[in-house]
């Protein structure tokens, strides 16, 4: 059965990114294919491939191609078989795969995790107009951007915080995560700007530790780097619609798909130029998007991810549709989560009560903290044995508006002023309970 060309393209993109993200580790990986250690490396690589989250077809083909090497060494690997998958000769392919899957690459040091307690994190953001200033107070200044887009946010974080941190001898750890491949076919508006990515990767300051992970599903916990267990701040700028605009556990997958067809138009996955894309028929026009564009995960998945990855969580430039669904999961009242009901401006007050009216009365730049926050939010990501475990947030602050003076923001935030038909978006600051 022929391999999926999109899966091959994804693998090659991830291999490129693995090298670009850590040139030092790439240089160090030469030792992994030295004759004295190559056999051990290949055995460990096969084990890593077998246990990886790579596409099933890719995983099986890699194992088939690597099998002869377990008996007869690197030279026994079918050259064309590995090149067909990776686009590389066997030696480089093995090194890249080791880098991607973390085999024997000790050059990647584990990043420090802040020792700030959640009580201190909450105290640090109370009364502040800019929650990112926690970076100047925490013992570790680390940020991860989940869904990094064109890297406008990353550039602004560097401009604002690297200098002050450097002056006191500290380091800024900045990691960016995105599902799009910067080498891919989709608009630069929603994927990493190549010039900006180049500047960040080659920034002259030794005080900046920047990494970009493209072509990755951020909700696949196994695909995350293991070198930073938790960041001081985890942020998601402009959470995607419809990915986080509807909660599947509340609405059901079939109802969500029917709603999307009604509101967005007919859609289907098709092959174009050997790649899978999502084709949407919208008002008579055929539009193409990444194949996963209409995959809906819901706010429970997003909140689960951010609460795991950040001691402080920030959602910025949240549109009204996503905001309502997120709010429904943060309010403690069960009535805020009616099964099978799509929220609209006409019905939402019935479920959210007085707190929603208070929020709508906020002017641009004004904020309020939620008087009560849900503490029994179920986890939905990762190992099935852990799903359903409960967690909560000790503090949630809601602010009206897209961007604010001195607060780093993504590109979409700066476009809301031009979107005359869009309601003003929201900015949420959340402190996980633990």
Protein backbone atom coordinates (compact mmCIF):
# COMPACT_ATOMS: atom_id res chain seq x y z
CA UNK A 1 0.00 0.00 0.00
CA UNK A 2 1.56 3.36 -1.03
CA UNK A 3 2.49 5.73 1.75
CA UNK A 4 0.50 8.91 2.31
CA UNK A 5 2.45 11.73 0.65
CA UNK A 6 1.22 14.22 3.25
CA UNK A 7 2.61 12.00 6.02
CA UNK A 8 5.98 11.88 4.23
CA UNK A 9 5.96 15.67 3.81
CA UNK A 10 5.12 16.07 7.50
CA UNK A 11 7.99 13.78 8.53
CA UNK A 12 10.48 15.66 6.35
CA UNK A 13 9.28 18.97 7.77
CA UNK A 14 9.72 17.74 11.32
CA UNK A 15 13.22 16.46 10.55
CA UNK A 16 14.20 19.86 9.12
CA UNK A 17 12.81 21.63 12.15
CA UNK A 18 14.64 19.29 14.54
CA UNK A 19 17.96 20.34 12.99
CA UNK A 20 17.12 24.05 12.72
CA UNK A 21 15.97 24.17 16.34
CA UNK A 22 19.22 22.82 17.76
CA UNK A 23 22.34 23.08 15.63
CA UNK A 24 24.54 22.18 18.60
CA UNK A 25 22.74 18.89 19.10
CA UNK A 26 22.93 18.25 15.35
CA UNK A 27 26.70 18.66 15.42
CA UNK A 28 26.94 16.41 18.48
CA UNK A 29 24.88 13.71 16.76
CA UNK A 30 27.88 12.74 14.59
CA UNK A 31 29.10 10.59 17.46
CA UNK A 32 25.86 8.57 17.29
CA UNK A 33 26.82 7.09 13.91
CA UNK A 34 30.47 6.41 14.75
CA UNK A 35 31.32 2.71 14.12
CA UNK A 36 31.88 2.06 17.83
CA UNK A 37 28.36 3.13 18.83
CA UNK A 38 26.25 2.91 15.64
CA UNK A 39 24.76 -0.50 16.48
CA UNK A 40 23.54 0.70 19.88
CA UNK A 41 22.20 3.90 18.32
CA UNK A 42 20.22 1.99 15.71
CA UNK A 43 18.73 -0.35 18.29
CA UNK A 44 17.62 2.60 20.42
CA UNK A 45 16.31 4.39 17.34
CA UNK A 46 14.14 1.42 16.39
CA UNK A 47 12.71 1.34 19.92
CA UNK A 48 12.04 5.09 19.76
CA UNK A 49 10.32 4.80 16.37
CA UNK A 50 8.13 1.93 17.60
CA UNK A 51 6.99 3.95 20.60
CA UNK A 52 6.62 7.28 18.80
CA UNK A 53 3.52 9.23 17.76
CA UNK A 54 4.61 9.27 14.10
CA UNK A 55 2.03 8.41 11.45
CA UNK A 56 1.36 4.66 11.62
CA UNK A 57 2.33 4.00 7.99
CA UNK A 58 5.55 6.01 8.38
CA UNK A 59 6.35 4.23 11.63
CA UNK A 60 5.90 0.79 10.11
CA UNK A 61 7.95 1.63 7.01
CA UNK A 62 10.77 3.12 9.10
CA UNK A 63 10.91 -0.02 11.20
CA UNK A 64 11.00 -2.17 8.06
CA UNK A 65 13.82 -0.12 6.55
CA UNK A 66 15.84 0.00 9.79
CA UNK A 67 15.48 -3.73 10.54
CA UNK A 68 18.55 -4.93 8.56
CA UNK A 69 20.72 -2.49 10.50
CA UNK A 70 20.03 -4.33 13.76
CA UNK A 71 21.94 -7.26 12.32
CA UNK A 72 24.47 -5.79 9.91
CA UNK A 73 24.95 -2.13 10.89
CA UNK A 74 24.41 1.21 9.20
CA UNK A 75 25.63 0.04 5.79
CA UNK A 76 22.81 -2.51 5.63
CA UNK A 77 20.06 0.13 5.57
CA UNK A 78 18.44 0.28 2.10
CA UNK A 79 19.63 3.65 0.82
CA UNK A 80 16.63 4.35 -1.40
CA UNK A 81 14.11 3.16 1.16
CA UNK A 82 15.27 5.66 3.74
CA UNK A 83 15.70 8.40 1.15
CA UNK A 84 12.11 7.92 -0.04
CA UNK A 85 10.90 8.59 3.49
CA UNK A 86 13.28 11.32 4.61
CA UNK A 87 14.86 12.77 1.47
CA UNK A 88 18.27 12.11 3.08
CA UNK A 89 21.10 9.61 2.81
CA UNK A 90 21.14 6.94 5.57
CA UNK A 91 23.70 8.63 7.80
CA UNK A 92 21.96 12.01 7.83
CA UNK A 93 18.56 10.35 8.07
CA UNK A 94 19.60 8.40 11.17
CA UNK A 95 21.10 11.52 12.77
CA UNK A 96 17.98 13.58 12.04
CA UNK A 97 15.68 10.86 13.34
CA UNK A 98 17.73 10.59 16.52
CA UNK A 99 17.44 14.34 17.00
CA UNK A 100 13.68 14.30 16.34
CA UNK A 101 12.99 11.39 18.69
CA UNK A 102 15.50 12.30 21.40
CA UNK A 103 17.77 9.28 20.95
CA UNK A 104 21.13 9.75 22.64
CA UNK A 105 21.12 13.52 22.22
CA UNK A 106 22.40 14.64 25.59
CA UNK A 107 23.35 18.06 24.25
CA UNK A 108 19.76 19.23 24.80
CA UNK A 109 19.76 20.24 28.44
CA UNK A 110 16.56 20.28 30.45
CA UNK A 111 15.29 23.82 30.94
CA UNK A 112 14.73 24.97 34.49
CA UNK A 113 11.20 25.19 35.91
CA UNK A 114 10.27 28.16 38.07
CA UNK A 115 10.01 27.43 41.79
CA UNK A 116 7.29 30.07 42.25
CA UNK A 117 4.29 28.68 44.05
CA UNK A 118 0.86 29.23 42.54
CA UNK A 119 0.07 31.54 45.46
CA UNK A 120 3.05 33.72 44.51
CA UNK A 121 2.08 33.64 40.84
CA UNK A 122 -1.39 34.89 41.75
CA UNK A 123 0.05 37.60 43.99
CA UNK A 124 2.38 38.68 41.17
CA UNK A 125 -0.45 39.25 38.67
CA UNK A 126 -2.98 40.84 41.04
CA UNK A 127 -3.33 44.52 40.25
CA UNK A 128 -0.97 44.38 37.29
CA UNK A 129 -2.03 45.67 33.87
CA UNK A 130 0.60 43.46 32.23
CA UNK A 131 0.72 39.84 33.44
CA UNK A 132 3.81 39.17 31.30
CA UNK A 133 5.80 41.26 33.78
CA UNK A 134 5.84 38.13 35.93
CA UNK A 135 8.83 37.21 33.77
CA UNK A 136 10.81 39.92 35.57
CA UNK A 137 9.88 38.59 39.01
CA UNK A 138 10.01 34.82 38.54
CA UNK A 139 13.25 32.94 39.15
CA UNK A 140 12.92 31.46 35.63
CA UNK A 141 11.76 33.60 32.69
CA UNK A 142 10.21 31.09 30.31
CA UNK A 143 7.34 31.41 27.83
CA UNK A 144 5.70 28.94 25.46
CA UNK A 145 3.35 30.12 22.71
CA UNK A 146 0.81 27.45 21.74
CA UNK A 147 -0.16 28.17 18.14
CA UNK A 148 2.55 30.70 17.31
CA UNK A 149 1.31 31.92 13.91
CA UNK A 150 3.65 34.39 12.21
CA UNK A 151 5.80 34.94 15.35
CA UNK A 152 4.79 38.60 15.87
CA UNK A 153 4.23 37.80 19.55
CA UNK A 154 7.68 36.20 19.91
CA UNK A 155 9.40 39.22 18.40
CA UNK A 156 7.59 41.57 20.79
CA UNK A 157 8.46 39.45 23.83
CA UNK A 158 12.13 39.57 22.86
CA UNK A 159 12.02 43.34 22.25
CA UNK A 160 10.40 44.00 25.60
CA UNK A 161 11.94 41.51 28.01
CA UNK A 162 15.34 40.31 26.76
CA UNK A 163 17.13 43.59 27.54
CA UNK A 164 15.93 43.94 31.15
CA UNK A 165 16.66 40.28 31.83
CA UNK A 166 20.14 40.48 30.28
CA UNK A 167 21.02 43.51 32.38
CA UNK A 168 20.62 41.44 35.54
CA UNK A 169 22.40 38.41 34.07
CA UNK A 170 19.29 36.34 33.37
CA UNK A 171 18.12 34.25 30.40
CA UNK A 172 14.88 34.42 28.42
CA UNK A 173 13.56 30.99 27.38
CA UNK A 174 11.08 31.38 24.52
CA UNK A 175 9.54 28.38 22.78
CA UNK A 176 6.95 28.50 20.00
CA UNK A 177 4.67 25.65 18.93
CA UNK A 178 2.61 25.56 15.74
CA UNK A 179 0.83 22.97 13.62
CA UNK A 180 1.72 24.62 10.32
CA UNK A 181 4.97 23.89 8.53
CA UNK A 182 6.82 27.16 7.74
CA UNK A 183 7.88 25.52 4.46
CA UNK A 184 4.27 24.64 3.62
CA UNK A 185 1.78 26.00 1.12
CA UNK A 186 -0.49 28.05 3.36
CA UNK A 187 -0.54 31.80 3.86
CA UNK A 188 2.30 33.50 5.71
CA UNK A 189 -0.41 35.36 7.62
CA UNK A 190 -1.07 32.24 9.68
CA UNK A 191 2.31 30.53 9.62
CA UNK A 192 5.78 31.45 10.75
CA UNK A 193 7.22 34.44 8.88
CA UNK A 194 10.48 33.07 7.50
CA UNK A 195 12.49 36.27 7.95
CA UNK A 196 11.25 36.66 11.52
CA UNK A 197 11.98 33.00 12.24
CA UNK A 198 15.47 33.43 10.81
CA UNK A 199 16.13 36.51 12.99
CA UNK A 200 14.92 34.80 16.16
CA UNK A 201 16.91 31.65 15.53
CA UNK A 202 20.08 33.59 14.85
CA UNK A 203 19.64 36.30 17.45
CA UNK A 204 23.10 37.39 18.60
CA UNK A 205 22.29 37.48 22.32
CA UNK A 206 23.45 34.49 24.39
CA UNK A 207 20.68 35.43 26.81
CA UNK A 208 17.94 34.24 24.45
CA UNK A 209 17.10 30.55 24.18
CA UNK A 210 14.57 30.41 21.36
CA UNK A 211 13.09 27.30 19.77
CA UNK A 212 10.41 26.88 17.17
CA UNK A 213 8.50 23.63 16.73
CA UNK A 214 6.51 23.72 13.51
CA UNK A 215 4.41 21.00 11.95
CA UNK A 216 3.39 19.75 15.40
CA UNK A 217 0.00 19.07 16.94
CA UNK A 218 0.23 20.95 20.23
CA UNK A 219 -2.56 18.85 21.76
CA UNK A 220 -0.53 15.66 21.26
CA UNK A 221 1.32 15.69 24.58
CA UNK A 222 3.77 13.05 23.36
CA UNK A 223 5.02 15.42 20.64
CA UNK A 224 6.18 18.06 23.11
CA UNK A 225 9.86 18.45 23.86
CA UNK A 226 10.80 16.87 27.15
CA UNK A 227 13.43 19.50 28.01
CA UNK A 228 10.97 21.91 29.64
CA UNK A 229 8.41 20.26 31.89
CA UNK A 230 6.54 23.50 32.65
CA UNK A 231 6.94 27.12 31.66
CA UNK A 232 6.43 30.21 33.75
CA UNK A 233 3.87 31.43 31.18
CA UNK A 234 1.88 29.43 28.62
CA UNK A 235 0.00 31.59 26.13
CA UNK A 236 -2.40 31.06 23.26
CA UNK A 237 -2.98 34.12 21.10
CA UNK A 238 -6.27 34.21 19.18
CA UNK A 239 -7.43 30.63 19.88
CA UNK A 240 -8.56 29.12 16.60
CA UNK A 241 -12.14 28.95 15.40
CA UNK A 242 -13.73 26.42 15.07
CA UNK A 243 -11.09 24.32 16.87
CA UNK A 244 -11.90 25.77 20.30
CA UNK A 245 -15.30 27.35 19.62
CA UNK A 246 -17.40 24.27 20.42
CA UNK A 247 -17.05 21.70 23.20
CA UNK A 248 -17.53 18.16 21.76
CA UNK A 249 -18.37 16.63 25.14
CA UNK A 250 -21.26 19.08 25.48
CA UNK A 251 -22.51 19.31 21.90
CA UNK A 252 -21.53 16.05 20.18
CA UNK A 253 -19.40 15.61 17.06
CA UNK A 254 -22.33 15.08 14.67
CA UNK A 255 -24.10 18.25 15.80
CA UNK A 256 -20.87 20.25 15.49
CA UNK A 257 -20.27 19.03 11.93
CA UNK A 258 -23.86 19.90 10.96
CA UNK A 259 -23.45 23.35 12.53
CA UNK A 260 -20.22 23.95 10.63
CA UNK A 261 -21.88 23.04 7.33
CA UNK A 262 -24.70 25.43 8.11
CA UNK A 263 -22.44 28.33 9.14
CA UNK A 264 -19.24 27.78 7.13
CA UNK A 265 -20.46 25.88 4.06
CA UNK A 266 -19.99 22.37 2.71
CA UNK A 267 -16.50 20.97 3.26
CA UNK A 268 -14.49 17.87 2.44
CA UNK A 269 -10.91 16.63 2.39
CA UNK A 270 -9.38 16.35 -1.07
CA UNK A 271 -5.99 15.69 -2.64
CA UNK A 272 -4.28 18.53 -4.49
CA UNK A 273 -0.75 18.31 -5.87
CA UNK A 274 -0.22 15.15 -3.83
CA UNK A 275 -1.22 16.83 -0.55
CA UNK A 276 -4.39 16.54 1.47
CA UNK A 277 -6.29 19.80 2.05
CA UNK A 278 -9.69 20.82 3.35
CA UNK A 279 -11.88 22.27 0.60
CA UNK A 280 -14.69 24.55 1.78
CA UNK A 281 -17.48 25.81 -0.48
CA UNK A 282 -18.31 29.21 1.02
CA UNK A 283 -20.81 31.51 -0.74
CA UNK A 284 -20.03 29.90 -4.07
CA UNK A 285 -16.26 30.16 -3.66
CA UNK A 286 -13.98 27.17 -3.14
CA UNK A 287 -11.41 27.79 -0.41
CA UNK A 288 -8.61 25.52 0.73
CA UNK A 289 -7.20 25.12 4.23
CA UNK A 290 -4.95 22.67 6.10
CA UNK A 291 -6.74 19.29 6.31
CA UNK A 292 -7.28 19.65 10.07
CA UNK A 293 -8.78 23.18 9.89
CA UNK A 294 -12.26 21.99 10.92
CA UNK A 295 -11.08 19.47 13.52
CA UNK A 296 -12.83 20.56 16.72
CA UNK A 297 -11.19 19.92 20.10
CA UNK A 298 -13.06 22.36 22.30
CA UNK A 299 -12.01 24.60 25.21
CA UNK A 300 -11.51 21.68 27.59
CA UNK A 301 -8.54 20.55 25.50
CA UNK A 302 -7.07 24.06 25.36
CA UNK A 303 -7.49 24.72 29.08
CA UNK A 304 -6.06 21.28 29.90
CA UNK A 305 -2.96 21.98 27.78
CA UNK A 306 -2.30 25.46 29.14
CA UNK A 307 -2.81 24.42 32.77
CA UNK A 308 -0.26 21.61 32.31
CA UNK A 309 2.32 23.74 30.53
CA UNK A 310 2.16 27.08 32.35
CA UNK A 311 2.28 28.24 35.95
CA UNK A 312 0.48 31.26 34.52
CA UNK A 313 -1.85 30.91 31.51
CA UNK A 314 -2.86 33.68 29.12
CA UNK A 315 -5.47 33.68 26.36
CA UNK A 316 -5.36 36.83 24.24
CA UNK A 317 -7.52 38.25 21.43
CA UNK A 318 -10.22 35.64 22.10
CA UNK A 319 -13.18 36.15 19.76
CA UNK A 320 -16.73 36.15 21.13
CA UNK A 321 -17.59 32.65 19.94
CA UNK A 322 -14.56 31.03 21.57
CA UNK A 323 -14.91 33.23 24.66
CA UNK A 324 -18.44 32.04 25.43
CA UNK A 325 -17.41 28.40 25.18
CA UNK A 326 -14.32 28.95 27.35
CA UNK A 327 -16.34 30.89 29.91
CA UNK A 328 -18.89 28.09 30.12
CA UNK A 329 -16.12 25.74 31.27
CA UNK A 330 -14.76 28.21 33.84
CA UNK A 331 -18.01 29.08 35.60
CA UNK A 332 -18.79 26.71 38.50
CA UNK A 333 -22.53 26.43 37.83
CA UNK A 334 -23.53 23.29 35.94
CA UNK A 335 -26.23 25.37 34.19
CA UNK A 336 -23.47 27.17 32.28
CA UNK A 337 -22.84 23.96 30.30
CA UNK A 338 -26.24 22.99 28.81
CA UNK A 339 -25.95 19.80 26.72
CA UNK A 340 -26.69 20.18 23.03
CA UNK A 341 -27.11 23.98 23.04
CA UNK A 342 -25.06 26.25 20.76
CA UNK A 343 -24.50 29.59 22.45
CA UNK A 344 -25.87 32.72 20.76
CA UNK A 345 -26.24 36.33 21.82
CA UNK A 346 -29.93 35.61 22.28
CA UNK A 347 -29.64 32.66 24.67
CA UNK A 348 -26.36 32.98 26.51
CA UNK A 349 -27.65 35.12 29.40
CA UNK A 350 -30.05 32.31 30.27
CA UNK A 351 -27.09 30.06 31.06
CA UNK A 352 -24.38 32.45 32.29
CA UNK A 353 -26.44 34.73 34.50
CA UNK A 354 -25.38 38.06 36.01
CA UNK A 355 -21.63 37.55 35.51
CA UNK A 356 -22.06 37.70 31.73
CA UNK A 357 -23.89 41.04 31.95
CA UNK A 358 -21.09 42.39 34.15
CA UNK A 359 -18.52 41.29 31.58
CA UNK A 360 -20.39 42.89 28.70
CA UNK A 361 -20.46 46.19 30.58
CA UNK A 362 -16.65 46.33 30.61
CA UNK A 363 -15.18 49.05 28.42
CA UNK A 364 -12.09 48.47 26.30
CA UNK A 365 -9.16 47.97 28.65
CA UNK A 366 -11.34 47.37 31.70
CA UNK A 367 -11.16 44.07 33.59
CA UNK A 368 -12.74 42.03 36.35
CA UNK A 369 -11.94 38.79 38.11
CA UNK A 370 -14.48 35.98 38.12
CA UNK A 371 -16.01 35.82 41.61
CA UNK A 372 -16.07 32.02 41.54
CA UNK A 373 -14.10 29.64 39.34
CA UNK A 374 -14.80 26.00 38.63
CA UNK A 375 -12.55 23.47 40.43
CA UNK A 376 -13.80 20.24 38.85
CA UNK A 377 -12.67 20.70 35.24
CA UNK A 378 -11.96 17.26 33.70
CA UNK A 379 -8.67 16.56 31.97
CA UNK A 380 -9.14 15.34 28.40
CA UNK A 381 -5.60 15.00 27.02
CA UNK A 382 -2.89 12.38 27.26
CA UNK A 383 -2.99 8.90 28.71
CA UNK A 384 -6.56 7.61 28.93
CA UNK A 385 -5.92 6.47 32.49
CA UNK A 386 -5.45 10.14 33.48
CA UNK A 387 -8.44 11.51 31.56
CA UNK A 388 -11.24 12.60 33.81
CA UNK A 389 -8.86 13.70 36.57
CA UNK A 390 -10.07 17.02 37.93
CA UNK A 391 -8.27 20.36 38.21
CA UNK A 392 -9.18 24.02 38.54
CA UNK A 393 -7.96 27.62 38.48
CA UNK A 394 -7.40 29.64 41.63
CA UNK A 395 -7.75 32.97 39.81
CA UNK A 396 -9.25 34.10 36.49
CA UNK A 397 -9.21 37.69 35.29
CA UNK A 398 -11.09 38.83 32.18
CA UNK A 399 -10.20 41.99 30.28
CA UNK A 400 -11.99 43.48 27.30
CA UNK A 401 -10.00 44.33 24.20
CA UNK A 402 -7.51 43.01 21.69
CA UNK A 403 -4.24 44.66 22.69
CA UNK A 404 -3.03 46.96 25.44
CA UNK A 405 -0.07 49.31 25.96
CA UNK A 406 3.08 47.38 26.82
CA UNK A 407 1.44 43.95 26.57
CA UNK A 408 2.91 41.67 23.86
CA UNK A 409 0.30 40.38 21.42
CA UNK A 410 0.02 38.31 18.26
CA UNK A 411 -0.70 39.71 14.83
CA UNK A 412 -4.45 39.02 14.88
CA UNK A 413 -4.86 41.25 17.94
CA UNK A 414 -3.71 44.26 15.93
CA UNK A 415 -6.25 43.54 13.18
CA UNK A 416 -9.34 43.61 15.38
CA UNK A 417 -9.53 47.39 15.07
CA UNK A 418 -10.14 46.90 11.34
CA UNK A 419 -12.84 44.26 11.87
CA UNK A 420 -15.83 46.58 12.18
CA UNK A 421 -18.35 43.72 12.28
CA UNK A 422 -16.53 41.82 15.02
CA UNK A 423 -17.31 42.37 18.70
CA UNK A 424 -14.37 43.46 20.82
CA UNK A 425 -12.36 40.38 21.88
CA UNK A 426 -11.24 39.23 25.31
CA UNK A 427 -8.01 38.73 27.25
CA UNK A 428 -7.91 36.11 30.02
CA UNK A 429 -5.30 35.70 32.73
CA UNK A 430 -5.56 32.34 34.52
CA UNK A 431 -3.61 30.93 37.46
CA UNK A 432 -3.93 27.13 37.77
CA UNK A 433 -4.71 25.90 41.26
CA UNK A 434 -1.70 23.57 41.27
